[in-house]
Amino acid sequence: MTQGPGDYKPSRRDVLRPVEYVGGSAIAAIFTGVITLVVTRDLTLALIATGGVFIVVLVALALFALAVKPDASESAELRDDEAHRHEAHDGPREPGGADGGPGLDGPQAPPPGH
């Protein structure tokens, strides 16, 4: 049984991924804040350092997550999702381009001799 486009249920790992990023960023920020507070004994400077490190680490983790190449299962899921969106929008498409378009395989080269 196939799922419709609105029936997608993300895995628990997919749901908790943002929590991992925020948690890792918070740990780095708290560590930096405590070290800054112990060394300088200035609460304002420690809070500024904590906030700055939290934001920088969170942005860096998000950028690293975008740079990761999806594995085979994620690539297959992305292709299936794209195919479902095209079917829902345009109707079924034939792989050979029977509808006059390039088809699912991309543009085709003209046959030899033309």
PDB file of N, CA and C in Angstrom:
ATOM      1  N   MET A   1       0.847  -1.175   0.000  1.00  0.00           N
ATOM      2  CA  MET A   1       0.000   0.000   0.000  1.00  0.00           C
ATOM      3  C   MET A   1       0.889   1.234   0.000  1.00  0.00           C
ATOM      4  N   THR A   2       0.625   2.139  -0.913  1.00  0.00           N
ATOM      5  CA  THR A   2       1.426   3.355  -0.994  1.00  0.00           C
ATOM      6  C   THR A   2       0.762   4.472  -0.216  1.00  0.00           C
ATOM      7  N   GLN A   3       1.584   5.372   0.261  1.00  0.00           N
ATOM      8  CA  GLN A   3       1.072   6.516   1.001  1.00  0.00           C
ATOM      9  C   GLN A   3       0.801   7.658   0.043  1.00  0.00           C
ATOM     10  N   GLY A   4      -0.252   8.401   0.312  1.00  0.00           N
ATOM     11  CA  GLY A   4      -0.532   9.600  -0.459  1.00  0.00           C
ATOM     12  C   GLY A   4       0.384  10.720  -0.020  1.00  0.00           C
ATOM     13  N   PRO A   5       0.421  11.826  -0.768  1.00  0.00           N
ATOM     14  CA  PRO A   5       1.310  12.927  -0.399  1.00  0.00           C
ATOM     15  C   PRO A   5       1.024  13.502   0.981  1.00  0.00           C
ATOM     16  N   GLY A   6      -0.225  13.474   1.432  1.00  0.00           N
ATOM     17  CA  GLY A   6      -0.559  14.024   2.738  1.00  0.00           C
ATOM     18  C   GLY A   6      -0.420  13.037   3.872  1.00  0.00           C
ATOM     19  N   ASP A   7      -0.085  11.768   3.567  1.00  0.00           N
ATOM     20  CA  ASP A   7       0.000  10.727   4.585  1.00  0.00           C
ATOM     21  C   ASP A   7       1.408  10.496   5.097  1.00  0.00           C
ATOM     22  N   TYR A   8       2.362  11.331   4.719  1.00  0.00           N
ATOM     23  CA  TYR A   8       3.747  11.119   5.116  1.00  0.00           C
ATOM     24  C   TYR A   8       3.911  11.338   6.607  1.00  0.00           C
ATOM     25  N   LYS A   9       4.512  10.366   7.276  1.00  0.00           N
ATOM     26  CA  LYS A   9       4.819  10.460   8.702  1.00  0.00           C
ATOM     27  C   LYS A   9       6.335  10.421   8.846  1.00  0.00           C
ATOM     28  N   PRO A  10       6.958  11.522   9.278  1.00  0.00           N
ATOM     29  CA  PRO A  10       8.412  11.510   9.440  1.00  0.00           C
ATOM     30  C   PRO A  10       8.828  10.564  10.566  1.00  0.00           C
ATOM     31  N   SER A  11      10.023  10.026  10.420  1.00  0.00           N
ATOM     32  CA  SER A  11      10.527   9.130  11.457  1.00  0.00           C
ATOM     33  C   SER A  11      10.846   9.940  12.713  1.00  0.00           C
ATOM     34  N   ARG A  12      11.023   9.221  13.792  1.00  0.00           N
ATOM     35  CA  ARG A  12      11.335   9.892  15.062  1.00  0.00           C
ATOM     36  C   ARG A  12      12.663  10.650  14.958  1.00  0.00           C
ATOM     37  N   ARG A  13      13.610  10.066  14.231  1.00  0.00           N
ATOM     38  CA  ARG A  13      14.905  10.731  14.067  1.00  0.00           C
ATOM     39  C   ARG A  13      14.746  12.044  13.298  1.00  0.00           C
ATOM     40  N   ASP A  14      13.893  12.035  12.263  1.00  0.00           N
ATOM     41  CA  ASP A  14      13.661  13.266  11.503  1.00  0.00           C
ATOM     42  C   ASP A  14      12.986  14.331  12.358  1.00  0.00           C
ATOM     43  N   VAL A  15      12.106  13.907  13.246  1.00  0.00           N
ATOM     44  CA  VAL A  15      11.398  14.855  14.104  1.00  0.00           C
ATOM     45  C   VAL A  15      12.349  15.456  15.141  1.00  0.00           C
ATOM     46  N   LEU A  16      13.262  14.646  15.658  1.00  0.00           N
ATOM     47  CA  LEU A  16      14.148  15.108  16.731  1.00  0.00           C
ATOM     48  C   LEU A  16      15.432  15.769  16.222  1.00  0.00           C
ATOM     49  N   ARG A  17      15.657  15.786  14.912  1.00  0.00           N
ATOM     50  CA  ARG A  17      16.891  16.380  14.380  1.00  0.00           C
ATOM     51  C   ARG A  17      17.050  17.854  14.772  1.00  0.00           C
ATOM     52  N   PRO A  18      16.019  18.703  14.676  1.00  0.00           N
ATOM     53  CA  PRO A  18      16.201  20.100  15.109  1.00  0.00           C
ATOM     54  C   PRO A  18      16.543  20.215  16.593  1.00  0.00           C
ATOM     55  N   VAL A  19      16.019  19.313  17.416  1.00  0.00           N
ATOM     56  CA  VAL A  19      16.327  19.331  18.847  1.00  0.00           C
ATOM     57  C   VAL A  19      17.810  19.028  19.061  1.00  0.00           C
ATOM     58  N   GLU A  20      18.359  18.134  18.233  1.00  0.00           N
ATOM     59  CA  GLU A  20      19.792  17.830  18.334  1.00  0.00           C
ATOM     60  C   GLU A  20      20.634  19.064  18.033  1.00  0.00           C
ATOM     61  N   TYR A  21      20.245  19.809  17.010  1.00  0.00           N
ATOM     62  CA  TYR A  21      21.006  21.014  16.646  1.00  0.00           C
ATOM     63  C   TYR A  21      20.931  22.057  17.752  1.00  0.00           C
ATOM     64  N   VAL A  22      19.742  22.308  18.267  1.00  0.00           N
ATOM     65  CA  VAL A  22      19.577  23.308  19.321  1.00  0.00           C
ATOM     66  C   VAL A  22      20.269  22.847  20.601  1.00  0.00           C
ATOM     67  N   GLY A  23      20.163  21.555  20.911  1.00  0.00           N
ATOM     68  CA  GLY A  23      20.817  21.025  22.107  1.00  0.00           C
ATOM     69  C   GLY A  23      22.329  21.126  22.030  1.00  0.00           C
ATOM     70  N   GLY A  24      22.902  20.754  20.892  1.00  0.00           N
ATOM     71  CA  GLY A  24      24.351  20.860  20.729  1.00  0.00           C
ATOM     72  C   GLY A  24      24.819  22.299  20.801  1.00  0.00           C
ATOM     73  N   SER A  25      24.036  23.187  20.216  1.00  0.00           N
ATOM     74  CA  SER A  25      24.378  24.603  20.266  1.00  0.00           C
ATOM     75  C   SER A  25      24.280  25.133  21.696  1.00  0.00           C
ATOM     76  N   ALA A  26      23.268  24.698  22.425  1.00  0.00           N
ATOM     77  CA  ALA A  26      23.102  25.136  23.815  1.00  0.00           C
ATOM     78  C   ALA A  26      24.247  24.639  24.693  1.00  0.00           C
ATOM     79  N   ILE A  27      24.676  23.402  24.475  1.00  0.00           N
ATOM     80  CA  ILE A  27      25.791  22.861  25.269  1.00  0.00           C
ATOM     81  C   ILE A  27      27.066  23.673  25.022  1.00  0.00           C
ATOM     82  N   ALA A  28      27.358  23.963  23.761  1.00  0.00           N
ATOM     83  CA  ALA A  28      28.554  24.764  23.450  1.00  0.00           C
ATOM     84  C   ALA A  28      28.434  26.162  24.041  1.00  0.00           C
ATOM     85  N   ALA A  29      27.232  26.748  23.993  1.00  0.00           N
ATOM     86  CA  ALA A  29      27.038  28.099  24.520  1.00  0.00           C
ATOM     87  C   ALA A  29      27.186  28.128  26.038  1.00  0.00           C
ATOM     88  N   ILE A  30      26.609  27.164  26.722  1.00  0.00           N
ATOM     89  CA  ILE A  30      26.713  27.123  28.192  1.00  0.00           C
ATOM     90  C   ILE A  30      28.162  26.921  28.612  1.00  0.00           C
ATOM     91  N   PHE A  31      28.865  26.034  27.908  1.00  0.00           N
ATOM     92  CA  PHE A  31      30.282  25.811  28.217  1.00  0.00           C
ATOM     93  C   PHE A  31      31.071  27.110  28.067  1.00  0.00           C
ATOM     94  N   THR A  32      30.847  27.800  26.969  1.00  0.00           N
ATOM     95  CA  THR A  32      31.555  29.061  26.738  1.00  0.00           C
ATOM     96  C   THR A  32      31.176  30.111  27.777  1.00  0.00           C
ATOM     97  N   GLY A  33      29.882  30.175  28.116  1.00  0.00           N
ATOM     98  CA  GLY A  33      29.436  31.140  29.110  1.00  0.00           C
ATOM     99  C   GLY A  33      30.040  30.897  30.473  1.00  0.00           C
ATOM    100  N   VAL A  34      30.116  29.638  30.879  1.00  0.00           N
ATOM    101  CA  VAL A  34      30.693  29.307  32.189  1.00  0.00           C
ATOM    102  C   VAL A  34      32.182  29.641  32.207  1.00  0.00           C
ATOM    103  N   ILE A  35      32.891  29.272  31.153  1.00  0.00           N
ATOM    104  CA  ILE A  35      34.325  29.584  31.094  1.00  0.00           C
ATOM    105  C   ILE A  35      34.542  31.101  31.130  1.00  0.00           C
ATOM    106  N   THR A  36      33.738  31.850  30.380  1.00  0.00           N
ATOM    107  CA  THR A  36      33.878  33.309  30.353  1.00  0.00           C
ATOM    108  C   THR A  36      33.561  33.911  31.721  1.00  0.00           C
ATOM    109  N   LEU A  37      32.527  33.384  32.376  1.00  0.00           N
ATOM    110  CA  LEU A  37      32.152  33.904  33.701  1.00  0.00           C
ATOM    111  C   LEU A  37      33.239  33.614  34.737  1.00  0.00           C
ATOM    112  N   VAL A  38      33.809  32.420  34.687  1.00  0.00           N
ATOM    113  CA  VAL A  38      34.853  32.064  35.658  1.00  0.00           C
ATOM    114  C   VAL A  38      36.114  32.907  35.429  1.00  0.00           C
ATOM    115  N   VAL A  39      36.464  33.138  34.180  1.00  0.00           N
ATOM    116  CA  VAL A  39      37.708  33.853  33.886  1.00  0.00           C
ATOM    117  C   VAL A  39      37.554  35.345  34.140  1.00  0.00           C
ATOM    118  N   THR A  40      36.445  35.958  33.676  1.00  0.00           N
ATOM    119  CA  THR A  40      36.320  37.415  33.769  1.00  0.00           C
ATOM    120  C   THR A  40      35.498  37.882  34.956  1.00  0.00           C
ATOM    121  N   ARG A  41      34.651  37.039  35.500  1.00  0.00           N
ATOM    122  CA  ARG A  41      33.722  37.380  36.587  1.00  0.00           C
ATOM    123  C   ARG A  41      32.807  38.544  36.213  1.00  0.00           C
ATOM    124  N   ASP A  42      32.529  38.653  34.922  1.00  0.00           N
ATOM    125  CA  ASP A  42      31.645  39.700  34.412  1.00  0.00           C
ATOM    126  C   ASP A  42      30.429  39.010  33.786  1.00  0.00           C
ATOM    127  N   LEU A  43      29.265  39.137  34.441  1.00  0.00           N
ATOM    128  CA  LEU A  43      28.060  38.451  33.993  1.00  0.00           C
ATOM    129  C   LEU A  43      27.603  38.941  32.625  1.00  0.00           C
ATOM    130  N   THR A  44      27.706  40.218  32.377  1.00  0.00           N
ATOM    131  CA  THR A  44      27.270  40.761  31.082  1.00  0.00           C
ATOM    132  C   THR A  44      28.104  40.182  29.937  1.00  0.00           C
ATOM    133  N   LEU A  45      29.389  40.142  30.101  1.00  0.00           N
ATOM    134  CA  LEU A  45      30.263  39.586  29.078  1.00  0.00           C
ATOM    135  C   LEU A  45      29.988  38.091  28.879  1.00  0.00           C
ATOM    136  N   ALA A  46      29.733  37.380  29.974  1.00  0.00           N
ATOM    137  CA  ALA A  46      29.436  35.954  29.879  1.00  0.00           C
ATOM    138  C   ALA A  46      28.126  35.716  29.123  1.00  0.00           C
ATOM    139  N   LEU A  47      27.114  36.543  29.371  1.00  0.00           N
ATOM    140  CA  LEU A  47      25.839  36.392  28.660  1.00  0.00           C
ATOM    141  C   LEU A  47      25.986  36.725  27.172  1.00  0.00           C
ATOM    142  N   ILE A  48      26.773  37.732  26.863  1.00  0.00           N
ATOM    143  CA  ILE A  48      27.011  38.085  25.459  1.00  0.00           C
ATOM    144  C   ILE A  48      27.745  36.942  24.750  1.00  0.00           C
ATOM    145  N   ALA A  49      28.763  36.397  25.397  1.00  0.00           N
ATOM    146  CA  ALA A  49      29.511  35.283  24.806  1.00  0.00           C
ATOM    147  C   ALA A  49      28.614  34.061  24.631  1.00  0.00           C
ATOM    148  N   THR A  50      27.761  33.791  25.619  1.00  0.00           N
ATOM    149  CA  THR A  50      26.855  32.650  25.532  1.00  0.00           C
ATOM    150  C   THR A  50      25.901  32.798  24.352  1.00  0.00           C
ATOM    151  N   GLY A  51      25.287  33.958  24.218  1.00  0.00           N
ATOM    152  CA  GLY A  51      24.359  34.185  23.108  1.00  0.00           C
ATOM    153  C   GLY A  51      25.042  34.135  21.757  1.00  0.00           C
ATOM    154  N   GLY A  52      26.216  34.730  21.681  1.00  0.00           N
ATOM    155  CA  GLY A  52      26.948  34.721  20.414  1.00  0.00           C
ATOM    156  C   GLY A  52      27.358  33.325  19.990  1.00  0.00           C
ATOM    157  N   VAL A  53      27.875  32.551  20.917  1.00  0.00           N
ATOM    158  CA  VAL A  53      28.285  31.182  20.587  1.00  0.00           C
ATOM    159  C   VAL A  53      27.073  30.335  20.230  1.00  0.00           C
ATOM    160  N   PHE A  54      25.953  30.518  20.920  1.00  0.00           N
ATOM    161  CA  PHE A  54      24.744  29.762  20.604  1.00  0.00           C
ATOM    162  C   PHE A  54      24.337  30.002  19.150  1.00  0.00           C
ATOM    163  N   ILE A  55      24.299  31.243  18.739  1.00  0.00           N
ATOM    164  CA  ILE A  55      23.867  31.580  17.377  1.00  0.00           C
ATOM    165  C   ILE A  55      24.871  31.070  16.343  1.00  0.00           C
ATOM    166  N   VAL A  56      26.150  31.271  16.585  1.00  0.00           N
ATOM    167  CA  VAL A  56      27.167  30.859  15.612  1.00  0.00           C
ATOM    168  C   VAL A  56      27.172  29.343  15.447  1.00  0.00           C
ATOM    169  N   VAL A  57      27.110  28.607  16.544  1.00  0.00           N
ATOM    170  CA  VAL A  57      27.132  27.144  16.457  1.00  0.00           C
ATOM    171  C   VAL A  57      25.854  26.622  15.808  1.00  0.00           C
ATOM    172  N   LEU A  58      24.721  27.219  16.129  1.00  0.00           N
ATOM    173  CA  LEU A  58      23.464  26.783  15.514  1.00  0.00           C
ATOM    174  C   LEU A  58      23.480  26.994  14.001  1.00  0.00           C
ATOM    175  N   VAL A  59      23.949  28.136  13.553  1.00  0.00           N
ATOM    176  CA  VAL A  59      24.033  28.409  12.108  1.00  0.00           C
ATOM    177  C   VAL A  59      25.040  27.466  11.450  1.00  0.00           C
ATOM    178  N   ALA A  60      26.171  27.227  12.095  1.00  0.00           N
ATOM    179  CA  ALA A  60      27.177  26.328  11.527  1.00  0.00           C
ATOM    180  C   ALA A  60      26.636  24.904  11.403  1.00  0.00           C
ATOM    181  N   LEU A  61      25.953  24.414  12.421  1.00  0.00           N
ATOM    182  CA  LEU A  61      25.370  23.070  12.351  1.00  0.00           C
ATOM    183  C   LEU A  61      24.319  22.982  11.255  1.00  0.00           C
ATOM    184  N   ALA A  62      23.511  24.010  11.100  1.00  0.00           N
ATOM    185  CA  ALA A  62      22.499  24.004  10.044  1.00  0.00           C
ATOM    186  C   ALA A  62      23.154  24.002   8.664  1.00  0.00           C
ATOM    187  N   LEU A  63      24.224  24.762   8.487  1.00  0.00           N
ATOM    188  CA  LEU A  63      24.920  24.777   7.199  1.00  0.00           C
ATOM    189  C   LEU A  63      25.593  23.442   6.922  1.00  0.00           C
ATOM    190  N   PHE A  64      26.172  22.826   7.936  1.00  0.00           N
ATOM    191  CA  PHE A  64      26.777  21.504   7.748  1.00  0.00           C
ATOM    192  C   PHE A  64      25.712  20.475   7.384  1.00  0.00           C
ATOM    193  N   ALA A  65      24.532  20.585   7.975  1.00  0.00           N
ATOM    194  CA  ALA A  65      23.452  19.655   7.658  1.00  0.00           C
ATOM    195  C   ALA A  65      23.001  19.807   6.213  1.00  0.00           C
ATOM    196  N   LEU A  66      23.027  21.034   5.703  1.00  0.00           N
ATOM    197  CA  LEU A  66      22.657  21.255   4.302  1.00  0.00           C
ATOM    198  C   LEU A  66      23.723  20.712   3.345  1.00  0.00           C
ATOM    199  N   ALA A  67      24.961  20.678   3.787  1.00  0.00           N
ATOM    200  CA  ALA A  67      26.052  20.245   2.923  1.00  0.00           C
ATOM    201  C   ALA A  67      26.175  18.733   2.840  1.00  0.00           C
ATOM    202  N   VAL A  68      25.508  17.991   3.712  1.00  0.00           N
ATOM    203  CA  VAL A  68      25.614  16.541   3.718  1.00  0.00           C
ATOM    204  C   VAL A  68      24.864  15.968   2.519  1.00  0.00           C
ATOM    205  N   LYS A  69      25.526  15.080   1.803  1.00  0.00           N
ATOM    206  CA  LYS A  69      24.909  14.433   0.648  1.00  0.00           C
ATOM    207  C   LYS A  69      23.937  13.365   1.151  1.00  0.00           C
ATOM    208  N   PRO A  70      22.702  13.337   0.624  1.00  0.00           N
ATOM    209  CA  PRO A  70      21.751  12.319   1.085  1.00  0.00           C
ATOM    210  C   PRO A  70      22.199  10.917   0.673  1.00  0.00           C
ATOM    211  N   ASP A  71      21.915   9.935   1.544  1.00  0.00           N
ATOM    212  CA  ASP A  71      22.274   8.566   1.209  1.00  0.00           C
ATOM    213  C   ASP A  71      21.253   7.979   0.225  1.00  0.00           C
ATOM    214  N   ALA A  72      21.408   6.720  -0.115  1.00  0.00           N
ATOM    215  CA  ALA A  72      20.580   6.096  -1.155  1.00  0.00           C
ATOM    216  C   ALA A  72      19.102   6.094  -0.790  1.00  0.00           C
ATOM    217  N   SER A  73      18.770   5.806   0.464  1.00  0.00           N
ATOM    218  CA  SER A  73      17.357   5.758   0.849  1.00  0.00           C
ATOM    219  C   SER A  73      16.730   7.155   0.812  1.00  0.00           C
ATOM    220  N   GLU A  74      17.481   8.173   1.227  1.00  0.00           N
ATOM    221  CA  GLU A  74      16.951   9.537   1.162  1.00  0.00           C
ATOM    222  C   GLU A  74      16.785   9.993  -0.282  1.00  0.00           C
ATOM    223  N   SER A  75      17.732   9.618  -1.155  1.00  0.00           N
ATOM    224  CA  SER A  75      17.616   9.978  -2.570  1.00  0.00           C
ATOM    225  C   SER A  75      16.396   9.322  -3.197  1.00  0.00           C
ATOM    226  N   ALA A  76      16.164   8.052  -2.873  1.00  0.00           N
ATOM    227  CA  ALA A  76      14.994   7.349  -3.414  1.00  0.00           C
ATOM    228  C   ALA A  76      13.710   7.999  -2.919  1.00  0.00           C
ATOM    229  N   GLU A  77      13.694   8.395  -1.652  1.00  0.00           N
ATOM    230  CA  GLU A  77      12.510   9.053  -1.108  1.00  0.00           C
ATOM    231  C   GLU A  77      12.259  10.397  -1.790  1.00  0.00           C
ATOM    232  N   LEU A  78      13.326  11.147  -2.055  1.00  0.00           N
ATOM    233  CA  LEU A  78      13.173  12.424  -2.744  1.00  0.00           C
ATOM    234  C   LEU A  78      12.651  12.228  -4.167  1.00  0.00           C
ATOM    235  N   ARG A  79      13.165  11.206  -4.886  1.00  0.00           N
ATOM    236  CA  ARG A  79      12.672  10.934  -6.237  1.00  0.00           C
ATOM    237  C   ARG A  79      11.208  10.513  -6.219  1.00  0.00           C
ATOM    238  N   ASP A  80      10.827   9.651  -5.266  1.00  0.00           N
ATOM    239  CA  ASP A  80       9.425   9.218  -5.176  1.00  0.00           C
ATOM    240  C   ASP A  80       8.517  10.398  -4.868  1.00  0.00           C
ATOM    241  N   ASP A  81       8.954  11.264  -3.973  1.00  0.00           N
ATOM    242  CA  ASP A  81       8.150  12.429  -3.627  1.00  0.00           C
ATOM    243  C   ASP A  81       7.976  13.346  -4.830  1.00  0.00           C
ATOM    244  N   GLU A  82       9.053  13.531  -5.590  1.00  0.00           N
ATOM    245  CA  GLU A  82       8.981  14.370  -6.795  1.00  0.00           C
ATOM    246  C   GLU A  82       8.041  13.753  -7.829  1.00  0.00           C
ATOM    247  N   ALA A  83       8.093  12.438  -7.993  1.00  0.00           N
ATOM    248  CA  ALA A  83       7.214  11.767  -8.950  1.00  0.00           C
ATOM    249  C   ALA A  83       5.757  11.888  -8.524  1.00  0.00           C
ATOM    250  N   HIS A  84       5.494  11.771  -7.221  1.00  0.00           N
ATOM    251  CA  HIS A  84       4.115  11.908  -6.723  1.00  0.00           C
ATOM    252  C   HIS A  84       3.595  13.322  -6.946  1.00  0.00           C
ATOM    253  N   ARG A  85       4.453  14.314  -6.771  1.00  0.00           N
ATOM    254  CA  ARG A  85       4.013  15.688  -7.000  1.00  0.00           C
ATOM    255  C   ARG A  85       3.693  15.933  -8.466  1.00  0.00           C
ATOM    256  N   HIS A  86       4.514  15.368  -9.354  1.00  0.00           N
ATOM    257  CA  HIS A  86       4.243  15.536 -10.782  1.00  0.00           C
ATOM    258  C   HIS A  86       2.955  14.819 -11.185  1.00  0.00           C
ATOM    259  N   GLU A  87       2.721  13.625 -10.638  1.00  0.00           N
ATOM    260  CA  GLU A  87       1.499  12.890 -10.961  1.00  0.00           C
ATOM    261  C   GLU A  87       0.276  13.635 -10.457  1.00  0.00           C
ATOM    262  N   ALA A  88       0.377  14.200  -9.275  1.00  0.00           N
ATOM    263  CA  ALA A  88      -0.767  14.916  -8.713  1.00  0.00           C
ATOM    264  C   ALA A  88      -1.036  16.196  -9.494  1.00  0.00           C
ATOM    265  N   HIS A  89       0.005  16.805 -10.022  1.00  0.00           N
ATOM    266  CA  HIS A  89      -0.154  18.077 -10.734  1.00  0.00           C
ATOM    267  C   HIS A  89      -0.479  17.870 -12.205  1.00  0.00           C
ATOM    268  N   ASP A  90       0.276  17.004 -12.883  1.00  0.00           N
ATOM    269  CA  ASP A  90       0.146  16.845 -14.324  1.00  0.00           C
ATOM    270  C   ASP A  90      -0.547  15.556 -14.735  1.00  0.00           C
ATOM    271  N   GLY A  91      -0.739  14.644 -13.851  1.00  0.00           N
ATOM    272  CA  GLY A  91      -1.215  13.314 -14.230  1.00  0.00           C
ATOM    273  C   GLY A  91      -0.012  12.416 -14.453  1.00  0.00           C
ATOM    274  N   PRO A  92      -0.243  11.135 -14.694  1.00  0.00           N
ATOM    275  CA  PRO A  92       0.890  10.214 -14.873  1.00  0.00           C
ATOM    276  C   PRO A  92       1.705  10.566 -16.106  1.00  0.00           C
ATOM    277  N   ARG A  93       3.021  10.396 -15.997  1.00  0.00           N
ATOM    278  CA  ARG A  93       3.914  10.656 -17.118  1.00  0.00           C
ATOM    279  C   ARG A  93       4.555   9.355 -17.544  1.00  0.00           C
ATOM    280  N   GLU A  94       4.756   9.200 -18.804  1.00  0.00           N
ATOM    281  CA  GLU A  94       5.394   8.009 -19.348  1.00  0.00           C
ATOM    282  C   GLU A  94       6.909   8.220 -19.362  1.00  0.00           C
ATOM    283  N   PRO A  95       7.687   7.183 -19.046  1.00  0.00           N
ATOM    284  CA  PRO A  95       9.128   7.347 -19.019  1.00  0.00           C
ATOM    285  C   PRO A  95       9.728   7.704 -20.370  1.00  0.00           C
ATOM    286  N   GLY A  96       9.120   7.298 -21.469  1.00  0.00           N
ATOM    287  CA  GLY A  96       9.696   7.539 -22.778  1.00  0.00           C
ATOM    288  C   GLY A  96       9.302   8.862 -23.374  1.00  0.00           C
ATOM    289  N   GLY A  97       8.554   9.670 -22.677  1.00  0.00           N
ATOM    290  CA  GLY A  97       8.141  10.949 -23.212  1.00  0.00           C
ATOM    291  C   GLY A  97       6.959  10.827 -24.151  1.00  0.00           C
ATOM    292  N   ALA A  98       6.051   9.884 -23.910  1.00  0.00           N
ATOM    293  CA  ALA A  98       4.912   9.676 -24.796  1.00  0.00           C
ATOM    294  C   ALA A  98       3.960  10.868 -24.785  1.00  0.00           C
ATOM    295  N   ASP A  99       4.045  11.695 -23.753  1.00  0.00           N
ATOM    296  CA  ASP A  99       3.165  12.861 -23.689  1.00  0.00           C
ATOM    297  C   ASP A  99       3.740  14.052 -24.442  1.00  0.00           C
ATOM    298  N   GLY A 100       4.839  13.843 -25.163  1.00  0.00           N
ATOM    299  CA  GLY A 100       5.437  14.912 -25.941  1.00  0.00           C
ATOM    300  C   GLY A 100       6.569  15.609 -25.212  1.00  0.00           C
ATOM    301  N   GLY A 101       6.730  15.378 -23.921  1.00  0.00           N
ATOM    302  CA  GLY A 101       7.785  16.003 -23.142  1.00  0.00           C
ATOM    303  C   GLY A 101       9.014  15.127 -23.107  1.00  0.00           C
ATOM    304  N   PRO A 102      10.014  15.548 -22.356  1.00  0.00           N
ATOM    305  CA  PRO A 102      11.251  14.780 -22.308  1.00  0.00           C
ATOM    306  C   PRO A 102      11.117  13.495 -21.514  1.00  0.00           C
ATOM    307  N   GLY A 103      10.057  13.325 -20.720  1.00  0.00           N
ATOM    308  CA  GLY A 103       9.890  12.100 -19.945  1.00  0.00           C
ATOM    309  C   GLY A 103      10.674  12.155 -18.654  1.00  0.00           C
ATOM    310  N   LEU A 104      10.677  11.053 -17.929  1.00  0.00           N
ATOM    311  CA  LEU A 104      11.343  10.994 -16.635  1.00  0.00           C
ATOM    312  C   LEU A 104      12.857  10.840 -16.769  1.00  0.00           C
ATOM    313  N   ASP A 105      13.324  10.401 -17.937  1.00  0.00           N
ATOM    314  CA  ASP A 105      14.749  10.175 -18.124  1.00  0.00           C
ATOM    315  C   ASP A 105      15.480  11.412 -18.613  1.00  0.00           C
ATOM    316  N   GLY A 106      14.786  12.522 -18.809  1.00  0.00           N
ATOM    317  CA  GLY A 106      15.405  13.731 -19.293  1.00  0.00           C
ATOM    318  C   GLY A 106      15.304  13.807 -20.806  1.00  0.00           C
ATOM    319  N   PRO A 107      15.929  14.816 -21.406  1.00  0.00           N
ATOM    320  CA  PRO A 107      15.860  14.957 -22.862  1.00  0.00           C
ATOM    321  C   PRO A 107      16.546  13.791 -23.549  1.00  0.00           C
ATOM    322  N   GLN A 108      15.981  13.367 -24.658  1.00  0.00           N
ATOM    323  CA  GLN A 108      16.530  12.247 -25.417  1.00  0.00           C
ATOM    324  C   GLN A 108      17.285  12.798 -26.634  1.00  0.00           C
ATOM    325  N   ALA A 109      18.360  12.138 -26.993  1.00  0.00           N
ATOM    326  CA  ALA A 109      19.113  12.505 -28.175  1.00  0.00           C
ATOM    327  C   ALA A 109      18.339  12.068 -29.414  1.00  0.00           C
ATOM    328  N   PRO A 110      18.449  12.794 -30.507  1.00  0.00           N
ATOM    329  CA  PRO A 110      17.757  12.359 -31.713  1.00  0.00           C
ATOM    330  C   PRO A 110      18.347  11.055 -32.223  1.00  0.00           C
ATOM    331  N   PRO A 111      17.541  10.247 -32.904  1.00  0.00           N
ATOM    332  CA  PRO A 111      18.073   8.988 -33.426  1.00  0.00           C
ATOM    333  C   PRO A 111      19.161   9.237 -34.452  1.00  0.00           C
ATOM    334  N   PRO A 112      20.102   8.305 -34.635  1.00  0.00           N
ATOM    335  CA  PRO A 112      21.189   8.500 -35.592  1.00  0.00           C
ATOM    336  C   PRO A 112      20.630   8.621 -37.019  1.00  0.00           C
ATOM    337  N   GLY A 113      21.251   9.457 -37.797  1.00  0.00           N
ATOM    338  CA  GLY A 113      20.859   9.609 -39.180  1.00  0.00           C
ATOM    339  C   GLY A 113      19.983  10.811 -39.420  1.00  0.00           C
ATOM    340  N   HIS A 114      19.711  11.588 -38.440  1.00  0.00           N
ATOM    341  CA  HIS A 114      18.897  12.800 -38.634  1.00  0.00           C
ATOM    342  C   HIS A 114      19.745  14.015 -38.710  1.00  0.00           C
TER     343      HIS A 114
END
